[in-house]
């Protein structure tokens, strides 16, 4: 089927992860009404080079109902039966040129009109895979891919008994002499645009994008290198005074070399007295292009506060199957932080205050009987109280002379 240059609307960046066969897909919603607000966009990743159009809270218009479940795909055109490529990968020198072919499939029964364009392929701010938009200026290898026009239109026929409908998309790669050694990324993107309505009844355009990857390695010195940056730790105390809290470790994995890499991570925390928490293995870094960054947040539980603690992070890079073997070195970083056992200190202070109160009450209780004895006065020899030197009682005079008179 012929391919010609069309008009094409903007789409949104797409994320993807590495797998055996990966395609980049996204469904974006753009409001067409002059005063309407854009509806929310959703994205997805397919493990095969196909995708199905769908959107929540969007009702297709009558003229696009037949397209609401359209399924299409894009990938390398097999050069032979043994060609099992799921993406494009080339090694070239500066000034080099190469021609190849992609193929767009239509798995639906009705023909589909798709827009096709070349774009940069790299990482977005949170480490996901980012595919550039037709309206964005090229920053990398997207500018090296030639399709015969900035944006093309392909009318892809529906499937038949012999298989899915398809359109072949020839393209060329021309590497400029200013290209830097190492790995570069590009993509060929197919876009299916349909019209629908959002819950407010406004007309919206649904752009479903699917991309096939192009990896280009430029000859020269290769430096596979990852670094750990902006490492910081925050400690959260447990309410249990003798229990461990959690350390929230934050850092950025940065590809400072010129080779695309994946990586495995390990995070641990050691205490003042050599105590060590269990090693946490966060999800691996799926794909970082040169210059790409991925922020990481890890929670390490069971960290007993021993005032001075230290967090350790290790990132071990690895290569992909299409890359030549080369020596790799792990990146490591550590930082100290304070973890004061406030709950334990509060409990100890409370115990000390309680002990002092008990001791004071005991002293007071012991002194109370002596105070009562003093108020009654000391007891005399007859044990009935009164002064000890009280005079003896008088007795009648028994002088015999007095008796006789």
Protein backbone atom coordinates (compact mmCIF):
# COMPACT_ATOMS: atom_id res chain seq x y z
CA UNK A 1 0.00 0.00 0.00
CA UNK A 2 1.27 3.52 -0.74
CA UNK A 3 2.45 5.85 2.02
CA UNK A 4 1.99 9.60 1.81
CA UNK A 5 2.58 12.61 4.02
CA UNK A 6 -0.40 13.51 6.25
CA UNK A 7 -1.46 15.82 9.04
CA UNK A 8 -0.84 14.48 12.53
CA UNK A 9 -1.81 15.60 16.04
CA UNK A 10 0.40 15.53 19.11
CA UNK A 11 0.67 12.59 21.46
CA UNK A 12 2.07 12.06 24.95
CA UNK A 13 5.37 10.49 26.11
CA UNK A 14 5.35 6.72 26.55
CA UNK A 15 7.02 4.47 29.11
CA UNK A 16 8.18 0.92 28.51
CA UNK A 17 10.23 -1.81 30.16
CA UNK A 18 12.64 -4.36 28.81
CA UNK A 19 11.34 -7.81 27.87
CA UNK A 20 11.81 -10.48 25.25
CA UNK A 21 9.75 -8.49 22.78
CA UNK A 22 8.83 -4.93 23.60
CA UNK A 23 6.64 -2.35 21.96
CA UNK A 24 5.90 1.12 23.27
CA UNK A 25 2.22 2.01 23.36
CA UNK A 26 0.17 4.88 24.72
CA UNK A 27 -3.37 6.10 24.48
CA UNK A 28 -3.73 9.86 24.69
CA UNK A 29 -6.88 11.93 24.78
CA UNK A 30 -6.98 15.37 23.18
CA UNK A 31 -10.03 17.61 23.33
CA UNK A 32 -11.18 18.96 19.98
CA UNK A 33 -13.91 21.34 21.17
CA UNK A 34 -12.59 24.94 21.32
CA UNK A 35 -13.46 25.44 24.99
CA UNK A 36 -13.10 21.89 26.22
CA UNK A 37 -10.52 20.70 28.70
CA UNK A 38 -8.34 17.74 27.85
CA UNK A 39 -9.31 14.44 29.42
CA UNK A 40 -6.86 12.25 31.30
CA UNK A 41 -4.39 10.12 29.37
CA UNK A 42 -3.50 6.50 30.01
CA UNK A 43 -0.47 4.52 28.89
CA UNK A 44 0.38 0.87 28.55
CA UNK A 45 3.21 -1.39 27.49
CA UNK A 46 2.71 -4.37 25.23
CA UNK A 47 4.99 -7.44 25.23
CA UNK A 48 4.23 -7.96 21.56
CA UNK A 49 4.26 -5.49 18.72
CA UNK A 50 0.54 -4.85 18.85
CA UNK A 51 -1.95 -2.84 20.85
CA UNK A 52 -5.70 -2.50 21.23
CA UNK A 53 -7.37 0.89 21.28
CA UNK A 54 -9.49 1.61 24.35
CA UNK A 55 -10.11 4.44 26.79
CA UNK A 56 -12.02 4.73 30.03
CA UNK A 57 -14.75 7.38 30.34
CA UNK A 58 -14.65 8.06 26.60
CA UNK A 59 -17.55 7.11 24.35
CA UNK A 60 -16.65 6.68 20.67
CA UNK A 61 -18.74 8.62 18.20
CA UNK A 62 -20.94 6.61 15.78
CA UNK A 63 -18.49 7.01 12.91
CA UNK A 64 -15.62 5.54 14.97
CA UNK A 65 -17.34 2.69 16.80
CA UNK A 66 -15.89 0.20 14.33
CA UNK A 67 -12.40 1.51 15.20
CA UNK A 68 -12.83 1.41 19.00
CA UNK A 69 -11.29 -2.08 19.21
CA UNK A 70 -8.71 -1.64 16.45
CA UNK A 71 -5.54 -3.68 16.94
CA UNK A 72 -2.31 -2.94 15.13
CA UNK A 73 1.41 -3.48 15.47
CA UNK A 74 4.79 -2.32 14.20
CA UNK A 75 8.21 -3.93 14.10
CA UNK A 76 11.14 -4.94 11.88
CA UNK A 77 10.30 -6.55 8.56
CA UNK A 78 11.88 -10.03 8.61
CA UNK A 79 14.52 -10.31 5.93
CA UNK A 80 14.22 -14.11 6.00
CA UNK A 81 12.50 -16.89 7.92
CA UNK A 82 15.42 -16.96 10.34
CA UNK A 83 15.15 -13.23 11.05
CA UNK A 84 13.70 -13.04 14.58
CA UNK A 85 14.41 -9.39 15.29
CA UNK A 86 12.03 -7.67 17.69
CA UNK A 87 13.78 -4.27 17.36
CA UNK A 88 16.44 -2.64 15.20
CA UNK A 89 20.07 -2.63 16.35
CA UNK A 90 23.03 -1.29 14.36
CA UNK A 91 26.73 -0.62 14.84
CA UNK A 92 27.96 2.16 12.55
CA UNK A 93 30.72 4.69 12.10
CA UNK A 94 30.36 8.44 11.76
CA UNK A 95 29.15 9.33 8.29
CA UNK A 96 27.73 5.82 7.84
CA UNK A 97 24.45 5.05 6.05
CA UNK A 98 22.13 2.10 6.15
CA UNK A 99 18.67 1.20 4.79
CA UNK A 100 16.12 -1.13 6.36
CA UNK A 101 12.38 -1.75 6.46
CA UNK A 102 9.72 -1.71 9.16
CA UNK A 103 6.27 -3.23 8.80
CA UNK A 104 2.93 -2.06 10.21
CA UNK A 105 0.29 -4.75 10.85
CA UNK A 106 -3.47 -4.45 11.07
CA UNK A 107 -5.09 -7.30 13.01
CA UNK A 108 -8.60 -5.88 12.64
CA UNK A 109 -11.09 -6.67 9.90
CA UNK A 110 -11.38 -3.09 8.66
CA UNK A 111 -8.64 -0.95 7.15
CA UNK A 112 -6.93 1.60 9.37
CA UNK A 113 -5.34 4.94 8.57
CA UNK A 114 -2.19 5.40 10.64
CA UNK A 115 0.30 8.23 10.99
CA UNK A 116 3.99 7.26 11.04
CA UNK A 117 6.95 9.36 12.16
CA UNK A 118 10.50 9.02 13.54
CA UNK A 119 11.36 10.16 17.06
CA UNK A 120 14.10 10.24 19.67
CA UNK A 121 14.14 7.39 22.18
CA UNK A 122 15.47 8.08 25.66
CA UNK A 123 14.57 8.35 29.34
CA UNK A 124 12.09 10.72 30.94
CA UNK A 125 12.50 12.37 34.34
CA UNK A 126 11.51 9.29 36.36
CA UNK A 127 13.59 6.81 34.37
CA UNK A 128 10.85 5.50 32.09
CA UNK A 129 11.22 5.23 28.34
CA UNK A 130 10.31 8.40 26.49
CA UNK A 131 9.33 8.65 22.82
CA UNK A 132 9.48 12.12 21.32
CA UNK A 133 6.56 13.90 19.66
CA UNK A 134 6.39 14.96 16.01
CA UNK A 135 6.28 18.58 17.12
CA UNK A 136 9.41 18.30 19.26
CA UNK A 137 12.88 19.11 17.88
CA UNK A 138 15.26 16.15 17.65
CA UNK A 139 17.94 15.81 20.32
CA UNK A 140 19.49 12.47 19.32
CA UNK A 141 19.23 9.67 16.75
CA UNK A 142 15.66 10.46 15.74
CA UNK A 143 17.14 13.05 13.39
CA UNK A 144 19.20 10.32 11.68
CA UNK A 145 16.14 8.30 10.60
CA UNK A 146 14.71 9.20 7.20
CA UNK A 147 11.16 8.20 6.22
CA UNK A 148 10.77 10.40 3.18
CA UNK A 149 8.79 12.97 5.16
CA UNK A 150 8.36 14.30 8.69
CA UNK A 151 5.04 12.47 9.17
CA UNK A 152 3.61 9.86 6.80
CA UNK A 153 0.17 8.35 6.41
CA UNK A 154 -0.32 4.60 5.85
CA UNK A 155 -3.67 3.05 4.89
CA UNK A 156 -3.30 -0.46 6.30
CA UNK A 157 -5.82 -3.03 4.95
CA UNK A 158 -7.72 -5.32 7.31
CA UNK A 159 -6.78 -8.91 7.95
CA UNK A 160 -7.77 -11.69 5.57
CA UNK A 161 -7.71 -15.47 5.68
CA UNK A 162 -4.02 -15.35 4.74
CA UNK A 163 -3.08 -13.17 7.73
CA UNK A 164 -3.12 -9.60 9.04
CA UNK A 165 -3.04 -6.67 6.68
CA UNK A 166 0.32 -4.92 6.48
CA UNK A 167 2.19 -1.97 5.02
CA UNK A 168 5.98 -1.94 4.57
CA UNK A 169 7.75 1.24 5.68
CA UNK A 170 11.24 1.64 4.18
CA UNK A 171 13.60 3.97 6.03
CA UNK A 172 17.24 4.99 6.03
CA UNK A 173 19.78 5.91 8.69
CA UNK A 174 22.45 8.53 8.05
CA UNK A 175 24.91 9.11 10.90
CA UNK A 176 26.38 12.63 10.99
CA UNK A 177 30.13 13.07 11.37
CA UNK A 178 29.55 14.95 14.61
CA UNK A 179 27.93 11.90 16.28
CA UNK A 180 29.56 10.94 19.58
CA UNK A 181 30.79 7.37 20.23
CA UNK A 182 28.50 5.06 22.14
CA UNK A 183 24.81 4.19 22.17
CA UNK A 184 21.98 6.31 20.75
CA UNK A 185 18.23 5.69 20.57
CA UNK A 186 15.48 6.34 18.06
CA UNK A 187 12.04 4.95 17.27
CA UNK A 188 9.55 4.66 14.43
CA UNK A 189 6.08 5.43 15.79
CA UNK A 190 2.67 4.45 14.40
CA UNK A 191 -0.33 6.50 15.57
CA UNK A 192 -4.02 5.60 15.30
CA UNK A 193 -6.30 8.62 15.83
CA UNK A 194 -10.03 8.24 16.48
CA UNK A 195 -12.78 10.63 17.58
CA UNK A 196 -14.94 10.15 20.66
CA UNK A 197 -16.74 12.01 23.42
CA UNK A 198 -15.82 12.44 27.06
CA UNK A 199 -18.40 12.31 29.94
CA UNK A 200 -19.15 16.02 29.36
CA UNK A 201 -20.14 15.34 25.77
CA UNK A 202 -17.13 17.14 24.36
CA UNK A 203 -15.42 15.85 21.22
CA UNK A 204 -11.99 14.36 21.90
CA UNK A 205 -9.32 12.84 19.73
CA UNK A 206 -7.85 9.55 20.94
CA UNK A 207 -4.24 9.03 19.82
CA UNK A 208 -2.94 5.49 20.32
CA UNK A 209 0.78 5.24 19.68
CA UNK A 210 2.96 2.19 19.17
CA UNK A 211 6.71 2.34 18.52
CA UNK A 212 9.49 0.02 17.46
CA UNK A 213 12.94 0.69 18.90
CA UNK A 214 16.11 1.56 17.00
CA UNK A 215 19.45 1.21 18.84
CA UNK A 216 22.52 2.67 17.10
CA UNK A 217 26.05 2.24 18.43
CA UNK A 218 28.67 4.61 17.02
CA UNK A 219 32.20 3.23 16.81
CA UNK A 220 34.70 4.62 19.29
CA UNK A 221 35.73 4.36 22.93
CA UNK A 222 33.01 2.87 25.13
CA UNK A 223 32.58 3.80 28.79
CA UNK A 224 29.86 1.81 30.59
CA UNK A 225 29.41 3.68 33.84
CA UNK A 226 26.67 4.23 36.40
CA UNK A 227 26.83 6.57 39.38
CA UNK A 228 24.74 7.02 42.52
CA UNK A 229 23.85 10.63 43.20
CA UNK A 230 21.90 12.69 45.75
CA UNK A 231 21.91 9.91 48.37
CA UNK A 232 19.90 10.88 51.45
CA UNK A 233 18.19 9.03 54.31
CA UNK A 234 15.29 9.89 56.60
CA UNK A 235 14.51 7.85 59.72
CA UNK A 236 11.02 7.12 61.03
CA UNK A 237 10.83 5.96 64.64
CA UNK A 238 8.58 3.07 65.64
CA UNK A 239 6.07 3.56 68.47
CA UNK A 240 7.55 0.45 70.08
CA UNK A 241 10.40 1.74 72.31
CA UNK A 242 12.42 -1.46 71.88
CA UNK A 243 11.45 -2.04 68.26
CA UNK A 244 13.14 -0.99 65.05
CA UNK A 245 11.97 1.85 62.86
CA UNK A 246 12.37 2.34 59.13
CA UNK A 247 14.95 4.21 57.08
CA UNK A 248 13.72 5.83 53.86
CA UNK A 249 16.66 5.86 51.44
CA UNK A 250 16.49 8.13 48.38
CA UNK A 251 19.00 8.40 45.54
CA UNK A 252 19.35 8.78 41.76
CA UNK A 253 20.92 6.22 39.43
CA UNK A 254 22.65 8.18 36.65
CA UNK A 255 24.13 6.73 33.47
CA UNK A 256 27.27 8.87 33.19
CA UNK A 257 28.84 6.71 30.48
CA UNK A 258 27.99 6.26 26.80
CA UNK A 259 26.52 2.73 26.85
CA UNK A 260 22.86 1.89 27.53
CA UNK A 261 22.62 -0.30 30.62
CA UNK A 262 20.28 -2.08 32.98
CA UNK A 263 21.15 -2.62 36.64
CA UNK A 264 20.38 -4.50 39.85
CA UNK A 265 20.27 -2.67 43.18
CA UNK A 266 20.95 -3.49 46.83
CA UNK A 267 20.33 -1.25 49.88
CA UNK A 268 21.26 -1.89 53.53
CA UNK A 269 21.70 0.04 56.80
CA UNK A 270 24.36 -0.53 59.50
CA UNK A 271 24.18 0.73 63.08
CA UNK A 272 26.70 2.27 65.49
CA UNK A 273 27.53 -1.09 67.09
CA UNK A 274 27.83 -3.01 63.84
CA UNK A 275 24.20 -4.08 63.69
CA UNK A 276 23.04 -4.57 60.11
CA UNK A 277 19.55 -4.63 58.69
CA UNK A 278 18.50 -7.08 56.03
CA UNK A 279 19.57 -6.21 52.50
CA UNK A 280 16.75 -4.77 50.39
CA UNK A 281 16.76 -5.46 46.65
CA UNK A 282 14.60 -2.83 44.90
CA UNK A 283 13.26 -3.51 41.40
CA UNK A 284 16.04 -3.38 38.85
CA UNK A 285 16.75 -0.44 36.57
CA UNK A 286 15.28 -1.64 33.29
CA UNK A 287 16.99 0.61 30.76
CA UNK A 288 19.07 3.77 31.08
CA UNK A 289 20.36 5.50 27.99
CA UNK A 290 23.56 7.55 28.25
CA UNK A 291 22.68 10.60 30.32
CA UNK A 292 19.49 8.98 31.62
CA UNK A 293 18.55 9.13 35.29
CA UNK A 294 16.17 7.17 37.50
CA UNK A 295 15.19 8.35 41.00
CA UNK A 296 14.80 5.55 43.54
CA UNK A 297 13.11 5.46 46.96
CA UNK A 298 13.61 2.42 49.21
CA UNK A 299 12.19 1.76 52.70
CA UNK A 300 14.43 -0.38 54.93
CA UNK A 301 12.45 -1.77 57.89
CA UNK A 302 13.70 -3.16 61.21
CA UNK A 303 16.40 -0.52 61.78
CA UNK A 304 17.02 -0.14 65.53
CA UNK A 305 17.96 3.47 66.38
CA UNK A 306 21.52 3.58 67.67
CA UNK A 307 22.03 7.35 67.23
CA UNK A 308 24.55 7.12 64.39
CA UNK A 309 23.64 4.94 61.39
CA UNK A 310 24.95 4.51 57.85
CA UNK A 311 23.14 3.59 54.64
CA UNK A 312 24.85 1.64 51.84
CA UNK A 313 23.70 1.46 48.20
CA UNK A 314 25.17 -0.75 45.48
CA UNK A 315 24.14 -0.66 41.81
CA UNK A 316 25.46 -3.44 39.56
CA UNK A 317 25.16 -2.74 35.82
CA UNK A 318 24.49 -5.35 33.13
CA UNK A 319 24.42 -5.42 29.34
CA UNK A 320 21.72 -6.42 26.88
CA UNK A 321 21.79 -9.43 24.59
CA UNK A 322 22.53 -7.34 21.48
CA UNK A 323 25.60 -5.68 23.04
CA UNK A 324 29.16 -6.91 22.91
CA UNK A 325 30.77 -8.07 26.14
CA UNK A 326 32.84 -5.54 28.09
CA UNK A 327 34.04 -5.17 31.70
CA UNK A 328 31.57 -3.54 34.06
CA UNK A 329 32.05 -2.08 37.52
CA UNK A 330 29.44 -1.71 40.25
CA UNK A 331 28.68 1.72 41.68
CA UNK A 332 28.56 2.10 45.47
CA UNK A 333 27.78 4.96 47.83
CA UNK A 334 27.23 5.42 51.58
CA UNK A 335 25.98 8.20 53.80
CA UNK A 336 25.47 8.63 57.54
CA UNK A 337 22.33 9.73 59.35
CA UNK A 338 21.07 10.07 62.92
CA UNK A 339 18.46 7.77 64.40
CA UNK A 340 17.80 8.84 68.00
CA UNK A 341 15.68 6.38 70.02
CA UNK A 342 13.24 9.02 71.25
CA UNK A 343 10.59 6.55 72.40
CA UNK A 344 13.14 4.61 74.44
CA UNK A 345 14.49 7.82 75.97
CA UNK A 346 10.97 8.96 76.87
CA UNK A 347 10.27 5.62 78.54
CA UNK A 348 13.56 5.74 80.47
CA UNK A 349 12.88 9.29 81.60
CA UNK A 350 9.40 8.27 82.69
CA UNK A 351 10.85 5.34 84.64
CA UNK A 352 13.35 7.64 86.39
CA UNK A 353 10.65 10.15 87.32
CA UNK A 354 8.43 7.36 88.60
CA UNK A 355 11.31 5.93 90.68
CA UNK A 356 12.00 9.34 92.28
CA UNK A 357 8.31 9.77 93.16
CA UNK A 358 8.18 6.33 94.75
CA UNK A 359 11.31 7.07 96.79
CA UNK A 360 9.91 10.42 98.02
CA UNK A 361 6.62 8.82 99.01
CA UNK A 362 8.49 6.11 100.88
CA UNK A 363 10.57 8.66 102.83
CA UNK A 364 7.44 10.60 103.73
CA UNK A 365 5.61 7.51 104.88
CA UNK A 366 8.57 6.52 107.05
CA UNK A 367 8.71 9.95 108.74
CA UNK A 368 4.99 10.21 109.56
CA UNK A 369 4.94 8.09 112.90
CA UNK A 370 7.72 10.18 114.51
CA UNK A 371 5.82 13.40 113.79
CA UNK A 372 2.69 12.11 115.57
CA UNK A 373 4.77 11.01 118.63
CA UNK A 374 6.21 14.51 119.04
CA UNK A 375 2.85 16.28 119.08
CA UNK A 376 1.60 14.19 122.12
CA UNK A 377 4.76 14.93 124.12
CA UNK A 378 7.14 12.36 125.49
CA UNK A 379 5.71 9.81 127.86
CA UNK A 380 6.74 9.72 131.52
CA UNK A 381 7.92 6.82 133.65
CA UNK A 382 4.38 5.62 134.18
CA UNK A 383 3.96 5.49 130.44
CA UNK A 384 0.98 7.87 130.60
CA UNK A 385 2.64 10.94 129.18
CA UNK A 386 3.46 14.24 130.84
CA UNK A 387 6.80 15.63 131.98
CA UNK A 388 9.38 13.19 133.21
CA UNK A 389 10.22 15.30 136.42
CA UNK A 390 6.64 15.71 137.69
CA UNK A 391 6.48 15.73 141.54
CA UNK A 392 5.47 12.58 143.43
CA UNK A 393 1.98 12.57 144.95
CA UNK A 394 1.70 13.71 148.62
CA UNK A 395 0.91 11.19 151.40
CA UNK A 396 -0.56 11.83 154.87
CA UNK A 397 1.93 12.76 157.66
CA UNK A 398 2.39 9.74 159.86
CA UNK A 399 4.54 11.41 162.59
CA UNK A 400 3.79 9.63 165.90
CA UNK A 401 3.84 12.86 167.86
CA UNK A 402 1.23 14.38 165.71
CA UNK A 403 -0.96 11.33 166.10
CA UNK A 404 -0.75 11.41 169.88
CA UNK A 405 -1.87 15.00 170.18
